[in-house]
Amino acid sequence: MPATTLDATTALVLIDLQHGIAGLPCIPLPSAEVIGRGARLAAAFRAHRLPVVLVNVTGGAPGRTETARPGGTPPADWAELVPELGRQNGDILVTKQQWGAFHGTNLDLELRRRGVTQVVLAGIATSIGVESTARAAHEHGYHVTVATDAVTDLDADTHRNSVEKVFPRLGETDTTEAILALLG
């Protein structure tokens, strides 16, 4: 369903646009395109004095998994946000240890303090950080909009499943251009 409206107090939440993740081979869109669209959204939200949340990840859940986790020590700049986002002093920085940006962080508190009722999501990876955050936002009662051309993944099938089957059940989806048009 195309995005129909943006609430007066909508926040942009950019997920994991950081050196270590942006450097991974992403599909269907290269990370540079997602970062560029995320930067455009951030600039527009800032121009409208709406909250911009920049999320990075520095850890992971400790439970056992069948899929091997990356080993070793990540590079020193692995969790640093990409400079293209143009981080501003007024931006909200959320560092997470799990897939989703709500669990174990102050994201909900930061949004509620600002009267936010809707979130626009973008970032990497569609089926991991973005989907987990979208699910939690929906469960917390926020209106959710996903910029579908500002998300990408490490796997085309999981990306498509999130965009086509999961996100429409959690909120609305549309392109960066359509969301920017709604901002006015």
N, C-alpha and C. Protein backbone atom coordinates (compact mmCIF):
# COMPACT_ATOMS: atom_id res chain seq x y z
N MET A 1 0.85 -1.17 0.00
CA MET A 1 0.00 0.00 0.00
C MET A 1 0.90 1.24 0.00
N PRO A 2 0.68 2.12 -0.90
CA PRO A 2 1.48 3.35 -0.90
C PRO A 2 1.25 4.15 0.37
N ALA A 3 2.27 4.90 0.76
CA ALA A 3 2.14 5.74 1.95
C ALA A 3 1.06 6.79 1.70
N THR A 4 0.18 6.96 2.66
CA THR A 4 -0.94 7.88 2.50
C THR A 4 -0.71 9.22 3.16
N THR A 5 0.03 9.22 4.28
CA THR A 5 0.25 10.45 5.02
C THR A 5 1.43 10.28 5.95
N LEU A 6 1.97 11.39 6.38
CA LEU A 6 2.96 11.39 7.45
C LEU A 6 2.39 12.22 8.59
N ASP A 7 2.40 11.66 9.79
CA ASP A 7 1.92 12.38 10.96
C ASP A 7 2.78 13.63 11.18
N ALA A 8 2.22 14.58 11.89
CA ALA A 8 2.95 15.82 12.18
C ALA A 8 4.22 15.56 12.97
N THR A 9 4.23 14.48 13.72
CA THR A 9 5.41 14.13 14.52
C THR A 9 5.96 12.78 14.08
N THR A 10 6.49 12.76 12.87
CA THR A 10 7.10 11.55 12.30
C THR A 10 8.61 11.64 12.45
N ALA A 11 9.23 10.53 12.80
CA ALA A 11 10.69 10.46 12.91
C ALA A 11 11.23 9.55 11.82
N LEU A 12 12.40 9.88 11.33
CA LEU A 12 13.14 9.02 10.41
C LEU A 12 14.09 8.17 11.23
N VAL A 13 14.09 6.86 10.99
CA VAL A 13 15.00 5.95 11.68
C VAL A 13 15.83 5.24 10.62
N LEU A 14 17.13 5.53 10.61
CA LEU A 14 18.06 4.92 9.66
C LEU A 14 18.83 3.82 10.37
N ILE A 15 18.71 2.61 9.85
CA ILE A 15 19.21 1.42 10.52
C ILE A 15 20.56 0.96 9.95
N ASP A 16 21.56 0.90 10.79
CA ASP A 16 22.84 0.24 10.53
C ASP A 16 23.58 0.73 9.28
N LEU A 17 23.46 2.01 9.00
CA LEU A 17 24.23 2.58 7.88
C LEU A 17 25.60 2.98 8.42
N GLN A 18 26.39 1.95 8.63
CA GLN A 18 27.70 2.06 9.26
C GLN A 18 28.73 1.36 8.40
N HIS A 19 30.00 1.69 8.62
CA HIS A 19 31.07 1.18 7.75
C HIS A 19 31.05 -0.34 7.60
N GLY A 20 30.96 -1.07 8.71
CA GLY A 20 31.06 -2.52 8.65
C GLY A 20 29.93 -3.20 7.91
N ILE A 21 28.75 -2.61 7.92
CA ILE A 21 27.61 -3.21 7.24
C ILE A 21 27.48 -2.68 5.82
N ALA A 22 27.73 -1.39 5.64
CA ALA A 22 27.65 -0.79 4.29
C ALA A 22 28.69 -1.40 3.35
N GLY A 23 29.73 -1.98 3.90
CA GLY A 23 30.76 -2.60 3.07
C GLY A 23 30.45 -4.01 2.64
N LEU A 24 29.34 -4.57 3.09
CA LEU A 24 28.96 -5.94 2.72
C LEU A 24 28.32 -5.95 1.33
N PRO A 25 28.37 -7.08 0.65
CA PRO A 25 27.74 -7.16 -0.68
C PRO A 25 26.22 -7.22 -0.55
N CYS A 26 25.55 -6.16 -0.92
CA CYS A 26 24.10 -6.05 -0.74
C CYS A 26 23.36 -6.19 -2.07
N ILE A 27 22.15 -6.78 -1.97
CA ILE A 27 21.26 -6.89 -3.12
C ILE A 27 19.83 -6.68 -2.61
N PRO A 28 18.91 -6.24 -3.37
CA PRO A 28 18.99 -5.93 -4.80
C PRO A 28 19.62 -4.58 -5.10
N LEU A 29 19.81 -3.73 -4.08
CA LEU A 29 20.41 -2.42 -4.31
C LEU A 29 21.79 -2.37 -3.67
N PRO A 30 22.73 -1.71 -4.32
CA PRO A 30 24.03 -1.52 -3.66
C PRO A 30 23.87 -0.59 -2.46
N SER A 31 24.69 -0.79 -1.46
CA SER A 31 24.57 0.02 -0.24
C SER A 31 24.73 1.50 -0.53
N ALA A 32 25.52 1.88 -1.52
CA ALA A 32 25.70 3.31 -1.84
C ALA A 32 24.38 3.97 -2.20
N GLU A 33 23.50 3.26 -2.93
CA GLU A 33 22.19 3.84 -3.28
C GLU A 33 21.32 4.01 -2.04
N VAL A 34 21.33 3.03 -1.16
CA VAL A 34 20.54 3.09 0.07
C VAL A 34 21.05 4.22 0.96
N ILE A 35 22.36 4.35 1.07
CA ILE A 35 22.95 5.43 1.86
C ILE A 35 22.57 6.78 1.27
N GLY A 36 22.65 6.92 -0.05
CA GLY A 36 22.28 8.18 -0.70
C GLY A 36 20.84 8.55 -0.45
N ARG A 37 19.94 7.58 -0.55
CA ARG A 37 18.52 7.88 -0.28
C ARG A 37 18.30 8.17 1.20
N GLY A 38 18.98 7.44 2.07
CA GLY A 38 18.88 7.71 3.49
C GLY A 38 19.36 9.12 3.83
N ALA A 39 20.44 9.56 3.18
CA ALA A 39 20.96 10.91 3.40
C ALA A 39 19.96 11.96 2.92
N ARG A 40 19.31 11.71 1.79
CA ARG A 40 18.29 12.65 1.29
C ARG A 40 17.12 12.74 2.25
N LEU A 41 16.66 11.60 2.74
CA LEU A 41 15.57 11.60 3.71
C LEU A 41 15.99 12.36 4.97
N ALA A 42 17.20 12.10 5.47
CA ALA A 42 17.67 12.76 6.69
C ALA A 42 17.71 14.27 6.50
N ALA A 43 18.22 14.73 5.38
CA ALA A 43 18.28 16.17 5.13
C ALA A 43 16.88 16.78 5.10
N ALA A 44 15.94 16.09 4.48
CA ALA A 44 14.57 16.60 4.40
C ALA A 44 13.90 16.61 5.77
N PHE A 45 14.08 15.56 6.55
CA PHE A 45 13.49 15.52 7.89
C PHE A 45 14.07 16.64 8.76
N ARG A 46 15.39 16.82 8.67
CA ARG A 46 16.02 17.91 9.44
C ARG A 46 15.48 19.27 9.00
N ALA A 47 15.31 19.46 7.70
CA ALA A 47 14.80 20.74 7.18
C ALA A 47 13.39 21.02 7.71
N HIS A 48 12.62 19.96 7.97
CA HIS A 48 11.27 20.11 8.52
C HIS A 48 11.26 20.03 10.06
N ARG A 49 12.44 20.03 10.65
CA ARG A 49 12.61 19.97 12.11
C ARG A 49 11.95 18.73 12.71
N LEU A 50 12.06 17.64 11.98
CA LEU A 50 11.55 16.35 12.47
C LEU A 50 12.73 15.50 12.93
N PRO A 51 12.51 14.63 13.92
CA PRO A 51 13.61 13.84 14.47
C PRO A 51 14.24 12.89 13.45
N VAL A 52 15.56 12.82 13.52
CA VAL A 52 16.33 11.86 12.73
C VAL A 52 17.06 10.97 13.73
N VAL A 53 16.84 9.66 13.61
CA VAL A 53 17.47 8.68 14.49
C VAL A 53 18.47 7.89 13.66
N LEU A 54 19.71 7.87 14.12
CA LEU A 54 20.77 7.12 13.45
C LEU A 54 21.12 5.94 14.35
N VAL A 55 20.93 4.74 13.82
CA VAL A 55 21.11 3.52 14.60
C VAL A 55 22.35 2.79 14.09
N ASN A 56 23.19 2.37 15.03
CA ASN A 56 24.29 1.47 14.67
C ASN A 56 24.24 0.26 15.59
N VAL A 57 24.94 -0.76 15.20
CA VAL A 57 24.96 -2.00 15.97
C VAL A 57 26.41 -2.32 16.33
N THR A 58 26.61 -2.72 17.60
CA THR A 58 27.95 -3.05 18.05
C THR A 58 28.05 -4.46 18.63
N GLY A 59 26.95 -5.20 18.60
CA GLY A 59 26.98 -6.54 19.17
C GLY A 59 25.92 -7.42 18.55
N GLY A 60 25.61 -8.50 19.24
CA GLY A 60 24.59 -9.42 18.75
C GLY A 60 24.05 -10.25 19.89
N ALA A 61 22.92 -10.86 19.68
CA ALA A 61 22.30 -11.71 20.69
C ALA A 61 23.21 -12.91 20.95
N PRO A 62 23.26 -13.36 22.19
CA PRO A 62 24.21 -14.42 22.54
C PRO A 62 23.76 -15.85 22.26
N GLY A 63 22.51 -16.07 21.90
CA GLY A 63 22.01 -17.45 21.76
C GLY A 63 22.65 -18.24 20.63
N ARG A 64 22.49 -19.57 20.69
CA ARG A 64 23.01 -20.46 19.66
C ARG A 64 22.24 -20.29 18.37
N THR A 65 22.94 -20.38 17.25
CA THR A 65 22.31 -20.32 15.93
C THR A 65 22.93 -21.38 15.03
N GLU A 66 22.19 -21.78 14.01
CA GLU A 66 22.73 -22.73 13.04
C GLU A 66 23.67 -22.06 12.05
N THR A 67 23.47 -20.78 11.82
CA THR A 67 24.31 -20.03 10.90
C THR A 67 25.51 -19.48 11.67
N ALA A 68 26.68 -19.69 11.14
CA ALA A 68 27.89 -19.22 11.80
C ALA A 68 27.90 -17.69 11.85
N ARG A 69 28.40 -17.19 12.95
CA ARG A 69 28.55 -15.75 13.12
C ARG A 69 29.97 -15.37 12.72
N PRO A 70 30.12 -14.12 12.29
CA PRO A 70 31.48 -13.68 11.96
C PRO A 70 32.37 -13.78 13.19
N GLY A 71 33.58 -14.20 12.99
CA GLY A 71 34.51 -14.32 14.11
C GLY A 71 35.55 -13.23 14.07
N GLY A 72 36.37 -13.20 15.10
CA GLY A 72 37.45 -12.24 15.14
C GLY A 72 37.00 -10.86 15.60
N THR A 73 37.96 -9.98 15.62
CA THR A 73 37.70 -8.60 16.04
C THR A 73 37.41 -7.76 14.81
N PRO A 74 36.27 -7.04 14.80
CA PRO A 74 35.97 -6.20 13.64
C PRO A 74 36.94 -5.02 13.56
N PRO A 75 37.08 -4.43 12.38
CA PRO A 75 37.93 -3.24 12.26
C PRO A 75 37.46 -2.13 13.20
N ALA A 76 38.37 -1.24 13.56
CA ALA A 76 38.06 -0.17 14.53
C ALA A 76 36.88 0.70 14.11
N ASP A 77 36.70 0.90 12.80
CA ASP A 77 35.61 1.78 12.34
C ASP A 77 34.35 1.02 11.96
N TRP A 78 34.25 -0.24 12.29
CA TRP A 78 33.15 -1.10 11.88
C TRP A 78 31.79 -0.50 12.24
N ALA A 79 31.64 0.04 13.43
CA ALA A 79 30.34 0.54 13.91
C ALA A 79 30.14 2.03 13.65
N GLU A 80 31.12 2.71 13.04
CA GLU A 80 30.97 4.13 12.78
C GLU A 80 29.96 4.38 11.67
N LEU A 81 29.08 5.34 11.89
CA LEU A 81 28.10 5.71 10.87
C LEU A 81 28.83 6.27 9.65
N VAL A 82 28.27 6.01 8.48
CA VAL A 82 28.89 6.52 7.26
C VAL A 82 28.75 8.05 7.23
N PRO A 83 29.76 8.75 6.78
CA PRO A 83 29.73 10.22 6.82
C PRO A 83 28.68 10.84 5.91
N GLU A 84 28.23 10.12 4.89
CA GLU A 84 27.23 10.65 3.97
C GLU A 84 25.93 11.03 4.67
N LEU A 85 25.68 10.47 5.84
CA LEU A 85 24.44 10.77 6.58
C LEU A 85 24.47 12.18 7.16
N GLY A 86 25.65 12.78 7.23
CA GLY A 86 25.75 14.15 7.72
C GLY A 86 25.24 14.33 9.13
N ARG A 87 25.66 13.45 10.02
CA ARG A 87 25.17 13.49 11.41
C ARG A 87 25.23 14.91 11.97
N GLN A 88 24.11 15.31 12.60
CA GLN A 88 23.98 16.63 13.21
C GLN A 88 23.86 16.49 14.72
N ASN A 89 24.16 17.57 15.43
CA ASN A 89 24.07 17.55 16.90
C ASN A 89 22.69 17.17 17.39
N GLY A 90 21.64 17.56 16.69
CA GLY A 90 20.27 17.27 17.12
C GLY A 90 19.79 15.86 16.81
N ASP A 91 20.56 15.09 16.05
CA ASP A 91 20.16 13.72 15.72
C ASP A 91 20.21 12.85 16.97
N ILE A 92 19.36 11.86 16.98
CA ILE A 92 19.34 10.89 18.08
C ILE A 92 20.20 9.71 17.65
N LEU A 93 21.18 9.35 18.45
CA LEU A 93 22.03 8.20 18.16
C LEU A 93 21.61 7.05 19.06
N VAL A 94 21.33 5.91 18.44
CA VAL A 94 20.96 4.70 19.18
C VAL A 94 21.96 3.61 18.81
N THR A 95 22.63 3.08 19.81
CA THR A 95 23.54 1.95 19.61
C THR A 95 22.87 0.72 20.18
N LYS A 96 22.73 -0.28 19.33
CA LYS A 96 22.01 -1.49 19.73
C LYS A 96 22.94 -2.69 19.77
N GLN A 97 22.50 -3.70 20.50
CA GLN A 97 23.24 -4.95 20.62
C GLN A 97 22.49 -6.12 19.99
N GLN A 98 21.28 -5.84 19.50
CA GLN A 98 20.42 -6.87 18.91
C GLN A 98 20.07 -6.45 17.50
N TRP A 99 19.23 -7.22 16.83
CA TRP A 99 18.83 -6.85 15.47
C TRP A 99 17.98 -5.60 15.44
N GLY A 100 16.99 -5.52 16.31
CA GLY A 100 16.05 -4.41 16.29
C GLY A 100 16.53 -3.23 17.13
N ALA A 101 16.11 -2.03 16.73
CA ALA A 101 16.56 -0.80 17.38
C ALA A 101 15.80 -0.48 18.67
N PHE A 102 14.75 -1.22 19.00
CA PHE A 102 13.99 -0.94 20.22
C PHE A 102 14.49 -1.76 21.41
N HIS A 103 14.80 -3.03 21.20
CA HIS A 103 15.14 -3.92 22.31
C HIS A 103 16.43 -3.47 23.00
N GLY A 104 16.33 -3.20 24.30
CA GLY A 104 17.51 -2.87 25.08
C GLY A 104 18.09 -1.49 24.84
N THR A 105 17.34 -0.61 24.18
CA THR A 105 17.82 0.75 23.91
C THR A 105 16.81 1.76 24.46
N ASN A 106 17.15 3.04 24.32
CA ASN A 106 16.24 4.10 24.76
C ASN A 106 15.43 4.67 23.61
N LEU A 107 15.33 3.97 22.48
CA LEU A 107 14.65 4.51 21.31
C LEU A 107 13.20 4.88 21.60
N ASP A 108 12.44 4.00 22.20
CA ASP A 108 11.03 4.30 22.47
C ASP A 108 10.91 5.53 23.37
N LEU A 109 11.72 5.63 24.40
CA LEU A 109 11.70 6.78 25.30
C LEU A 109 12.02 8.07 24.54
N GLU A 110 13.05 8.05 23.70
CA GLU A 110 13.44 9.23 22.93
C GLU A 110 12.31 9.68 22.00
N LEU A 111 11.64 8.73 21.36
CA LEU A 111 10.55 9.07 20.45
C LEU A 111 9.35 9.61 21.21
N ARG A 112 8.98 8.96 22.28
CA ARG A 112 7.81 9.40 23.05
C ARG A 112 8.03 10.78 23.67
N ARG A 113 9.25 11.07 24.12
CA ARG A 113 9.55 12.40 24.67
C ARG A 113 9.31 13.50 23.64
N ARG A 114 9.47 13.15 22.38
CA ARG A 114 9.30 14.11 21.29
C ARG A 114 7.90 14.08 20.69
N GLY A 115 7.03 13.24 21.24
CA GLY A 115 5.66 13.15 20.74
C GLY A 115 5.54 12.43 19.41
N VAL A 116 6.52 11.61 19.06
CA VAL A 116 6.50 10.92 17.77
C VAL A 116 5.41 9.86 17.76
N THR A 117 4.65 9.82 16.67
CA THR A 117 3.58 8.83 16.49
C THR A 117 3.80 7.95 15.27
N GLN A 118 4.78 8.30 14.44
CA GLN A 118 5.04 7.55 13.22
C GLN A 118 6.55 7.50 12.98
N VAL A 119 7.01 6.38 12.40
CA VAL A 119 8.41 6.26 12.02
C VAL A 119 8.50 5.88 10.55
N VAL A 120 9.47 6.48 9.88
CA VAL A 120 9.86 6.09 8.52
C VAL A 120 11.18 5.36 8.66
N LEU A 121 11.25 4.15 8.10
CA LEU A 121 12.43 3.31 8.26
C LEU A 121 13.17 3.13 6.95
N ALA A 122 14.50 3.07 7.05
CA ALA A 122 15.36 2.77 5.93
C ALA A 122 16.65 2.18 6.50
N GLY A 123 17.39 1.45 5.67
CA GLY A 123 18.68 0.94 6.11
C GLY A 123 19.01 -0.44 5.60
N ILE A 124 19.97 -1.05 6.27
CA ILE A 124 20.52 -2.35 5.91
C ILE A 124 20.56 -3.19 7.18
N ALA A 125 20.14 -4.36 7.19
CA ALA A 125 19.60 -5.21 6.15
C ALA A 125 18.08 -5.30 6.31
N THR A 126 17.43 -5.33 5.17
CA THR A 126 15.98 -5.32 5.11
C THR A 126 15.36 -6.34 6.05
N SER A 127 15.82 -7.60 5.96
CA SER A 127 15.18 -8.69 6.69
C SER A 127 15.70 -8.86 8.11
N ILE A 128 16.67 -8.06 8.49
CA ILE A 128 17.24 -8.21 9.83
C ILE A 128 16.94 -6.95 10.64
N GLY A 129 17.80 -5.96 10.59
CA GLY A 129 17.62 -4.75 11.40
C GLY A 129 16.37 -3.97 11.07
N VAL A 130 16.08 -3.81 9.78
CA VAL A 130 14.92 -3.00 9.40
C VAL A 130 13.63 -3.73 9.78
N GLU A 131 13.53 -5.00 9.42
CA GLU A 131 12.31 -5.73 9.74
C GLU A 131 12.10 -5.86 11.24
N SER A 132 13.15 -6.15 11.99
CA SER A 132 13.02 -6.26 13.45
C SER A 132 12.55 -4.94 14.06
N THR A 133 13.09 -3.84 13.58
CA THR A 133 12.69 -2.53 14.08
C THR A 133 11.26 -2.21 13.67
N ALA A 134 10.87 -2.56 12.45
CA ALA A 134 9.50 -2.33 12.00
C ALA A 134 8.51 -3.12 12.84
N ARG A 135 8.83 -4.36 13.13
CA ARG A 135 7.94 -5.18 13.95
C ARG A 135 7.77 -4.56 15.34
N ALA A 136 8.88 -4.17 15.95
CA ALA A 136 8.80 -3.59 17.30
C ALA A 136 8.08 -2.24 17.28
N ALA A 137 8.33 -1.43 16.27
CA ALA A 137 7.63 -0.14 16.17
C ALA A 137 6.12 -0.37 16.09
N HIS A 138 5.71 -1.32 15.28
CA HIS A 138 4.29 -1.66 15.16
C HIS A 138 3.75 -2.12 16.51
N GLU A 139 4.48 -2.98 17.19
CA GLU A 139 4.04 -3.48 18.49
C GLU A 139 3.98 -2.38 19.55
N HIS A 140 4.83 -1.35 19.41
CA HIS A 140 4.82 -0.21 20.33
C HIS A 140 3.74 0.81 19.98
N GLY A 141 3.00 0.58 18.90
CA GLY A 141 1.90 1.46 18.54
C GLY A 141 2.24 2.61 17.61
N TYR A 142 3.41 2.59 17.01
CA TYR A 142 3.76 3.63 16.04
C TYR A 142 3.20 3.27 14.67
N HIS A 143 2.83 4.28 13.90
CA HIS A 143 2.54 4.08 12.49
C HIS A 143 3.90 3.85 11.82
N VAL A 144 3.96 2.88 10.93
CA VAL A 144 5.23 2.49 10.31
C VAL A 144 5.15 2.71 8.81
N THR A 145 6.17 3.35 8.26
CA THR A 145 6.33 3.48 6.82
C THR A 145 7.75 3.06 6.48
N VAL A 146 7.89 2.21 5.48
CA VAL A 146 9.21 1.76 5.04
C VAL A 146 9.48 2.32 3.64
N ALA A 147 10.63 2.96 3.50
CA ALA A 147 11.07 3.46 2.20
C ALA A 147 11.71 2.28 1.46
N THR A 148 10.95 1.65 0.59
CA THR A 148 11.37 0.38 0.01
C THR A 148 12.56 0.48 -0.95
N ASP A 149 12.85 1.66 -1.44
CA ASP A 149 14.05 1.81 -2.28
C ASP A 149 15.21 2.36 -1.47
N ALA A 150 15.07 2.39 -0.15
CA ALA A 150 16.13 2.81 0.75
C ALA A 150 16.44 1.70 1.76
N VAL A 151 16.16 0.46 1.35
CA VAL A 151 16.52 -0.73 2.12
C VAL A 151 17.14 -1.74 1.17
N THR A 152 18.05 -2.52 1.68
CA THR A 152 18.67 -3.58 0.91
C THR A 152 19.13 -4.67 1.86
N ASP A 153 19.56 -5.79 1.32
CA ASP A 153 19.81 -6.96 2.14
C ASP A 153 21.04 -7.70 1.64
N LEU A 154 21.35 -8.78 2.30
CA LEU A 154 22.41 -9.67 1.87
C LEU A 154 21.87 -10.83 1.05
N ASP A 155 20.54 -10.93 1.00
CA ASP A 155 19.88 -12.04 0.31
C ASP A 155 18.62 -11.51 -0.40
N ALA A 156 18.52 -11.76 -1.68
CA ALA A 156 17.40 -11.23 -2.47
C ALA A 156 16.06 -11.81 -2.02
N ASP A 157 16.02 -13.10 -1.68
CA ASP A 157 14.75 -13.72 -1.28
C ASP A 157 14.23 -13.16 0.04
N THR A 158 15.10 -12.99 1.01
CA THR A 158 14.63 -12.47 2.29
C THR A 158 14.24 -10.99 2.16
N HIS A 159 14.96 -10.25 1.33
CA HIS A 159 14.58 -8.85 1.06
C HIS A 159 13.17 -8.80 0.48
N ARG A 160 12.94 -9.58 -0.55
CA ARG A 160 11.64 -9.59 -1.22
C ARG A 160 10.53 -10.00 -0.25
N ASN A 161 10.78 -11.00 0.58
CA ASN A 161 9.77 -11.44 1.55
C ASN A 161 9.42 -10.30 2.51
N SER A 162 10.42 -9.61 3.01
CA SER A 162 10.15 -8.49 3.92
C SER A 162 9.33 -7.41 3.24
N VAL A 163 9.75 -7.00 2.05
CA VAL A 163 9.10 -5.90 1.34
C VAL A 163 7.69 -6.26 0.89
N GLU A 164 7.53 -7.47 0.36
CA GLU A 164 6.24 -7.85 -0.22
C GLU A 164 5.25 -8.45 0.78
N LYS A 165 5.74 -9.14 1.80
CA LYS A 165 4.83 -9.87 2.68
C LYS A 165 4.79 -9.35 4.12
N VAL A 166 5.92 -8.93 4.66
CA VAL A 166 5.96 -8.53 6.07
C VAL A 166 5.60 -7.05 6.24
N PHE A 167 6.31 -6.16 5.56
CA PHE A 167 6.08 -4.72 5.77
C PHE A 167 4.65 -4.28 5.54
N PRO A 168 3.95 -4.79 4.51
CA PRO A 168 2.56 -4.36 4.34
C PRO A 168 1.64 -4.75 5.51
N ARG A 169 2.04 -5.73 6.29
CA ARG A 169 1.25 -6.12 7.46
C ARG A 169 1.56 -5.26 8.67
N LEU A 170 2.67 -4.53 8.61
CA LEU A 170 3.10 -3.70 9.73
C LEU A 170 2.83 -2.21 9.52
N GLY A 171 2.58 -1.82 8.28
CA GLY A 171 2.37 -0.40 7.99
C GLY A 171 2.24 -0.17 6.50
N GLU A 172 2.82 0.94 6.05
CA GLU A 172 2.75 1.30 4.64
C GLU A 172 4.16 1.30 4.05
N THR A 173 4.23 1.14 2.75
CA THR A 173 5.51 1.16 2.05
C THR A 173 5.42 2.09 0.86
N ASP A 174 6.55 2.71 0.55
CA ASP A 174 6.59 3.57 -0.63
C ASP A 174 8.03 3.92 -0.94
N THR A 175 8.23 4.68 -1.98
CA THR A 175 9.57 5.07 -2.39
C THR A 175 10.03 6.30 -1.63
N THR A 176 11.31 6.55 -1.71
CA THR A 176 11.89 7.75 -1.10
C THR A 176 11.22 9.00 -1.67
N GLU A 177 11.07 9.05 -2.99
CA GLU A 177 10.46 10.22 -3.62
C GLU A 177 9.05 10.46 -3.12
N ALA A 178 8.26 9.41 -2.99
CA ALA A 178 6.89 9.57 -2.50
C ALA A 178 6.86 10.06 -1.06
N ILE A 179 7.77 9.55 -0.25
CA ILE A 179 7.84 9.99 1.15
C ILE A 179 8.26 11.46 1.21
N LEU A 180 9.25 11.82 0.40
CA LEU A 180 9.67 13.23 0.36
C LEU A 180 8.53 14.13 -0.08
N ALA A 181 7.72 13.67 -1.03
CA ALA A 181 6.56 14.45 -1.48
C ALA A 181 5.55 14.64 -0.35
N LEU A 182 5.36 13.61 0.48
CA LEU A 182 4.45 13.72 1.62
C LEU A 182 4.95 14.74 2.64
N LEU A 183 6.27 14.88 2.73
CA LEU A 183 6.84 15.87 3.66
C LEU A 183 6.51 17.29 3.22
N GLY A 184 6.33 17.44 1.89
CA GLY A 184 5.96 18.75 1.35
C GLY A 184 7.12 19.65 1.04
